[in-house]
């Protein structure tokens, strides 16, 4: 994996700019800007709270929500089938036929936790070790996630796991299980995991139809690009590359996404990075001009 060239890159170092621990008042970028950890935490928390609130305003609410989300799912299936790539039911069936059902519960827990833990860890690691790369990748994460809201709002999509579900959000609500013959198991409901979307508390705060694009794919790809520049060992880089691949595999065998959702997640990542490059270049250009003006009016030493 190669990271796109950026003027914000610096040579890999084991810690701060000089190889020692970060400064007490926070890491400093090449342009001399301090990164305050508390400010970054506030940014992240505020952004995620707004994102979660906006995300959950769409999709699951309304009398026709399930019907619309199901129709969109059928559109996705038709597109994949026309390409000869509607393979999710066969893939899941093969996996669940493995000994011990492939430890599917582990994948359910992975699905519910890894994208938060790894993404947060990568962001903190980047902040401490390579502050010059931090701004562009932090902005990429924010822009990508904000762009995903457009997909959630404009294209509510029933995930594969709900196509045969009799839950209140499923395509077979108040009917027979798998009434439409989609043959996909809701592994979280059947085999358990970290939480269940059938729980009333979870259902009321989660948009059940926010599947396109897949932010599990987008965030895991972002994490891989961030962490690639932080390590040199080949086996660690192999693990980093494997992470988004494992995530795409996970979202399909657990029935949480179509593979086209993963393509949408990659598109959101690419668009988010493009936005971040523009925003970061503008911000750093403004800082350079401000410093140049200060230097011009400063009295000679």
Protein backbone atom coordinates (compact mmCIF):
# COMPACT_ATOMS: atom_id res chain seq x y z
CA UNK A 1 0.00 0.00 0.00
CA UNK A 2 1.35 3.39 -0.92
CA UNK A 3 0.09 6.58 0.61
CA UNK A 4 -0.66 9.50 -1.76
CA UNK A 5 2.08 12.08 -1.75
CA UNK A 6 1.40 15.03 0.49
CA UNK A 7 3.30 18.09 1.53
CA UNK A 8 2.24 17.27 5.08
CA UNK A 9 4.28 14.05 5.26
CA UNK A 10 7.39 13.81 7.41
CA UNK A 11 10.02 11.13 7.75
CA UNK A 12 8.97 8.29 10.01
CA UNK A 13 10.22 8.92 13.54
CA UNK A 14 9.74 6.94 16.73
CA UNK A 15 8.16 9.84 18.60
CA UNK A 16 8.11 13.66 18.33
CA UNK A 17 9.78 15.80 15.67
CA UNK A 18 13.21 15.28 17.24
CA UNK A 19 12.69 11.60 18.02
CA UNK A 20 11.97 12.32 21.70
CA UNK A 21 8.66 12.57 23.51
CA UNK A 22 6.11 15.12 22.31
CA UNK A 23 6.36 18.59 23.78
CA UNK A 24 4.45 19.17 27.00
CA UNK A 25 2.07 21.58 25.26
CA UNK A 26 1.41 19.11 22.44
CA UNK A 27 3.08 18.08 19.20
CA UNK A 28 4.13 20.81 16.81
CA UNK A 29 3.78 20.64 13.02
CA UNK A 30 6.48 21.70 10.57
CA UNK A 31 4.82 25.11 10.32
CA UNK A 32 5.06 25.57 14.07
CA UNK A 33 1.38 24.97 14.87
CA UNK A 34 0.72 23.32 18.22
CA UNK A 35 -1.78 20.47 18.36
CA UNK A 36 -3.65 20.59 21.65
CA UNK A 37 -4.86 17.16 22.69
CA UNK A 38 -7.88 18.48 24.60
CA UNK A 39 -8.96 20.54 21.61
CA UNK A 40 -8.70 17.54 19.32
CA UNK A 41 -10.74 15.42 21.75
CA UNK A 42 -13.45 18.09 21.82
CA UNK A 43 -13.45 18.26 18.00
CA UNK A 44 -13.82 14.49 17.69
CA UNK A 45 -16.53 14.16 20.33
CA UNK A 46 -18.55 17.09 19.01
CA UNK A 47 -18.28 15.86 15.43
CA UNK A 48 -19.27 12.29 16.30
CA UNK A 49 -22.25 13.40 18.38
CA UNK A 50 -23.52 15.58 15.53
CA UNK A 51 -22.84 12.79 13.01
CA UNK A 52 -24.71 10.21 15.11
CA UNK A 53 -27.66 12.53 15.62
CA UNK A 54 -27.94 13.37 11.91
CA UNK A 55 -27.40 9.74 10.87
CA UNK A 56 -30.26 8.55 13.05
CA UNK A 57 -32.74 11.09 11.70
CA UNK A 58 -33.13 9.07 8.52
CA UNK A 59 -34.00 5.55 7.47
CA UNK A 60 -35.66 3.70 10.33
CA UNK A 61 -38.43 6.20 11.07
CA UNK A 62 -41.69 6.40 9.16
CA UNK A 63 -44.37 4.00 8.01
CA UNK A 64 -42.77 3.37 4.62
CA UNK A 65 -39.17 3.20 5.85
CA UNK A 66 -38.88 -0.59 5.68
CA UNK A 67 -40.54 -0.79 2.27
CA UNK A 68 -38.29 1.88 0.76
CA UNK A 69 -35.15 0.40 2.29
CA UNK A 70 -36.14 -3.06 1.01
CA UNK A 71 -36.76 -1.74 -2.51
CA UNK A 72 -33.31 -0.17 -2.47
CA UNK A 73 -31.84 -3.49 -1.32
CA UNK A 74 -33.56 -5.23 -4.25
CA UNK A 75 -32.00 -2.62 -6.56
CA UNK A 76 -28.56 -3.46 -5.18
CA UNK A 77 -29.21 -7.18 -5.61
CA UNK A 78 -30.33 -6.67 -9.21
CA UNK A 79 -27.17 -4.71 -10.01
CA UNK A 80 -24.90 -7.30 -8.40
CA UNK A 81 -26.84 -10.14 -10.05
CA UNK A 82 -26.52 -8.48 -13.46
CA UNK A 83 -22.76 -8.45 -12.89
CA UNK A 84 -22.80 -12.10 -11.85
CA UNK A 85 -21.63 -11.06 -8.40
CA UNK A 86 -24.63 -11.61 -6.14
CA UNK A 87 -22.75 -14.11 -4.00
CA UNK A 88 -23.42 -12.99 -0.40
CA UNK A 89 -25.89 -15.81 0.43
CA UNK A 90 -23.50 -18.50 -0.86
CA UNK A 91 -20.53 -16.92 0.91
CA UNK A 92 -22.34 -16.80 4.23
CA UNK A 93 -23.71 -20.33 3.83
CA UNK A 94 -20.20 -21.65 3.10
CA UNK A 95 -18.77 -19.88 6.13
CA UNK A 96 -21.45 -20.99 8.57
CA UNK A 97 -20.95 -24.60 7.40
CA UNK A 98 -17.35 -24.51 8.66
CA UNK A 99 -16.53 -26.27 11.96
CA UNK A 100 -17.94 -24.32 14.92
CA UNK A 101 -19.66 -22.12 12.30
CA UNK A 102 -16.35 -20.38 11.75
CA UNK A 103 -16.58 -18.81 15.23
CA UNK A 104 -19.10 -16.38 13.77
CA UNK A 105 -19.70 -14.81 17.17
CA UNK A 106 -16.11 -13.53 17.10
CA UNK A 107 -16.85 -11.80 13.81
CA UNK A 108 -20.01 -10.28 15.29
CA UNK A 109 -17.96 -8.81 18.14
CA UNK A 110 -15.31 -7.66 15.66
CA UNK A 111 -18.01 -5.91 13.64
CA UNK A 112 -19.32 -4.06 16.69
CA UNK A 113 -15.99 -2.96 18.16
CA UNK A 114 -12.99 -2.95 15.81
CA UNK A 115 -13.95 0.06 13.71
CA UNK A 116 -14.18 2.23 16.83
CA UNK A 117 -11.12 0.88 18.64
CA UNK A 118 -8.74 0.73 15.67
CA UNK A 119 -9.81 4.08 14.24
CA UNK A 120 -9.39 5.85 17.58
CA UNK A 121 -6.06 4.12 18.17
CA UNK A 122 -4.74 5.09 14.74
CA UNK A 123 -5.78 8.71 15.24
CA UNK A 124 -4.08 8.94 18.65
CA UNK A 125 -0.95 7.19 17.38
CA UNK A 126 -0.73 9.56 14.42
CA UNK A 127 -1.21 12.59 16.67
CA UNK A 128 1.66 11.57 18.92
CA UNK A 129 4.12 10.27 16.35
CA UNK A 130 3.64 12.23 13.13
CA UNK A 131 1.94 15.57 13.77
CA UNK A 132 2.73 16.81 10.26
CA UNK A 133 0.45 14.11 8.81
CA UNK A 134 -2.22 14.52 11.45
CA UNK A 135 -4.21 17.47 10.06
CA UNK A 136 -4.80 16.04 6.59
CA UNK A 137 -5.79 12.60 7.88
CA UNK A 138 -7.97 13.93 10.69
CA UNK A 139 -9.77 16.08 8.13
CA UNK A 140 -10.05 13.10 5.79
CA UNK A 141 -11.80 11.11 8.49
CA UNK A 142 -14.21 13.96 9.20
CA UNK A 143 -14.94 14.71 5.53
CA UNK A 144 -15.44 11.04 4.66
CA UNK A 145 -17.83 10.54 7.56
CA UNK A 146 -19.77 13.71 6.74
CA UNK A 147 -20.09 12.64 3.09
CA UNK A 148 -21.49 9.30 4.23
CA UNK A 149 -24.44 11.16 5.73
CA UNK A 150 -25.50 12.10 2.21
CA UNK A 151 -25.76 8.41 1.37
CA UNK A 152 -27.65 7.57 4.55
CA UNK A 153 -30.12 10.42 3.99
CA UNK A 154 -30.70 9.93 0.27
CA UNK A 155 -30.52 6.15 -0.05
CA UNK A 156 -31.79 4.23 2.96
CA UNK A 157 -30.75 0.63 2.44
CA UNK A 158 -31.89 -2.50 4.21
CA UNK A 159 -28.81 -4.60 5.05
CA UNK A 160 -28.76 -8.24 3.92
CA UNK A 161 -29.27 -9.52 7.48
CA UNK A 162 -32.75 -7.94 7.56
CA UNK A 163 -33.98 -9.29 4.22
CA UNK A 164 -35.38 -12.42 5.87
CA UNK A 165 -35.87 -11.01 9.36
CA UNK A 166 -39.21 -10.90 11.16
CA UNK A 167 -38.06 -8.07 13.46
CA UNK A 168 -39.85 -4.72 13.23
CA UNK A 169 -37.16 -3.49 10.85
CA UNK A 170 -37.02 -6.65 8.73
CA UNK A 171 -38.52 -7.32 5.32
CA UNK A 172 -40.58 -10.20 6.82
CA UNK A 173 -42.05 -8.31 9.76
CA UNK A 174 -45.25 -10.05 10.91
CA UNK A 175 -44.70 -12.74 8.25
CA UNK A 176 -42.85 -16.05 8.02
CA UNK A 177 -39.04 -15.97 8.42
CA UNK A 178 -37.25 -15.53 5.08
CA UNK A 179 -40.62 -14.88 3.46
CA UNK A 180 -38.92 -13.49 0.37
CA UNK A 181 -36.39 -16.28 -0.01
CA UNK A 182 -33.22 -14.22 0.36
CA UNK A 183 -31.49 -16.95 2.44
CA UNK A 184 -29.29 -14.64 4.54
CA UNK A 185 -28.95 -15.16 8.30
CA UNK A 186 -28.90 -12.31 10.78
CA UNK A 187 -25.87 -13.73 12.58
CA UNK A 188 -26.00 -11.17 15.37
CA UNK A 189 -29.60 -12.04 16.23
CA UNK A 190 -29.03 -15.82 15.90
CA UNK A 191 -25.54 -16.28 17.31
CA UNK A 192 -25.07 -13.18 19.46
CA UNK A 193 -22.22 -10.73 19.81
CA UNK A 194 -21.38 -7.50 21.54
CA UNK A 195 -24.92 -6.12 21.26
CA UNK A 196 -28.16 -6.81 19.43
CA UNK A 197 -29.95 -4.43 17.10
CA UNK A 198 -33.19 -6.04 18.28
CA UNK A 199 -32.72 -4.50 21.74
CA UNK A 200 -35.14 -1.62 22.20
CA UNK A 201 -32.41 0.65 23.58
CA UNK A 202 -30.16 0.04 20.60
CA UNK A 203 -32.95 0.20 18.04
CA UNK A 204 -34.13 3.61 19.21
CA UNK A 205 -30.70 5.22 18.79
CA UNK A 206 -29.52 3.43 15.66
CA UNK A 207 -30.54 3.90 12.04
CA UNK A 208 -31.11 0.33 10.88
CA UNK A 209 -30.90 1.30 7.22
CA UNK A 210 -27.65 3.31 7.20
CA UNK A 211 -25.79 0.75 5.08
CA UNK A 212 -24.68 2.70 2.00
CA UNK A 213 -21.83 3.57 2.13
CA UNK A 214 -20.15 1.15 4.51
CA UNK A 215 -18.26 3.21 7.04
CA UNK A 216 -16.73 0.01 8.41
CA UNK A 217 -14.96 -0.20 5.06
CA UNK A 218 -14.20 3.52 4.88
CA UNK A 219 -12.82 3.77 8.41
CA UNK A 220 -10.76 0.58 8.15
CA UNK A 221 -9.22 1.78 4.87
CA UNK A 222 -8.48 5.15 6.46
CA UNK A 223 -6.84 3.38 9.43
CA UNK A 224 -4.69 1.31 7.09
CA UNK A 225 -3.41 4.37 5.22
CA UNK A 226 -2.66 6.14 8.50
CA UNK A 227 -0.87 3.21 10.14
CA UNK A 228 1.10 2.24 7.02
CA UNK A 229 3.26 5.35 7.44
CA UNK A 230 3.82 4.67 11.12
CA UNK A 231 5.56 1.30 10.85
CA UNK A 232 8.42 -0.21 8.88
CA UNK A 233 8.30 -3.91 9.70
CA UNK A 234 6.88 -6.00 6.88
CA UNK A 235 4.79 -8.25 9.09
CA UNK A 236 3.12 -5.22 10.67
CA UNK A 237 2.41 -3.74 7.27
CA UNK A 238 0.95 -7.08 6.20
CA UNK A 239 -1.41 -6.94 9.18
CA UNK A 240 -2.32 -3.37 8.31
CA UNK A 241 -3.23 -4.35 4.74
CA UNK A 242 -5.19 -7.35 6.06
CA UNK A 243 -7.31 -5.18 8.34
CA UNK A 244 -9.61 -3.55 5.73
CA UNK A 245 -9.74 -6.83 3.78
CA UNK A 246 -10.85 -8.67 6.93
CA UNK A 247 -13.41 -5.94 7.56
CA UNK A 248 -14.96 -6.32 4.11
CA UNK A 249 -15.08 -10.09 4.64
CA UNK A 250 -16.70 -9.54 8.03
CA UNK A 251 -19.45 -7.22 6.83
CA UNK A 252 -20.51 -9.78 4.22
CA UNK A 253 -20.43 -13.02 6.26
CA UNK A 254 -22.31 -11.37 9.13
CA UNK A 255 -24.95 -10.09 6.71
CA UNK A 256 -24.43 -6.44 7.59
CA UNK A 257 -23.55 -5.16 4.12
CA UNK A 258 -23.54 -5.90 0.42
CA UNK A 259 -20.15 -5.75 -1.27
CA UNK A 260 -21.38 -2.68 -3.16
CA UNK A 261 -21.68 -0.93 0.21
CA UNK A 262 -17.94 -1.51 0.61
CA UNK A 263 -17.35 0.11 -2.79
CA UNK A 264 -19.38 3.06 -1.55
CA UNK A 265 -17.18 3.21 1.56
CA UNK A 266 -14.05 3.33 -0.59
CA UNK A 267 -15.57 6.10 -2.72
CA UNK A 268 -16.36 8.09 0.42
CA UNK A 269 -12.78 7.61 1.60
CA UNK A 270 -11.36 8.85 -1.71
CA UNK A 271 -13.66 11.86 -1.80
CA UNK A 272 -12.90 12.63 1.85
CA UNK A 273 -9.17 12.59 1.17
CA UNK A 274 -9.59 14.93 -1.82
CA UNK A 275 -11.57 17.36 0.33
CA UNK A 276 -9.00 17.12 3.12
CA UNK A 277 -6.11 17.94 0.78
CA UNK A 278 -7.88 21.10 -0.37
CA UNK A 279 -8.87 22.16 3.16
CA UNK A 280 -5.42 21.43 4.60
CA UNK A 281 -3.61 23.26 1.79
CA UNK A 282 -5.86 26.30 2.31
CA UNK A 283 -5.36 26.23 6.09
CA UNK A 284 -1.60 25.87 5.89
CA UNK A 285 -1.37 28.52 3.18
CA UNK A 286 -3.28 30.93 5.41
CA UNK A 287 -0.93 30.16 8.32
CA UNK A 288 2.15 30.70 6.16
CA UNK A 289 0.84 34.06 4.94
CA UNK A 290 0.07 35.14 8.50
CA UNK A 291 3.56 34.19 9.68
CA UNK A 292 5.08 36.00 6.71
CA UNK A 293 3.17 39.18 7.61
CA UNK A 294 4.34 38.93 11.22
CA UNK A 295 7.94 38.49 10.10
CA UNK A 296 7.64 41.51 7.78
CA UNK A 297 6.52 43.89 10.56
CA UNK A 298 8.73 42.48 13.32
CA UNK A 299 11.56 44.82 14.41
CA UNK A 300 15.07 43.67 13.40
CA UNK A 301 16.90 41.66 16.07
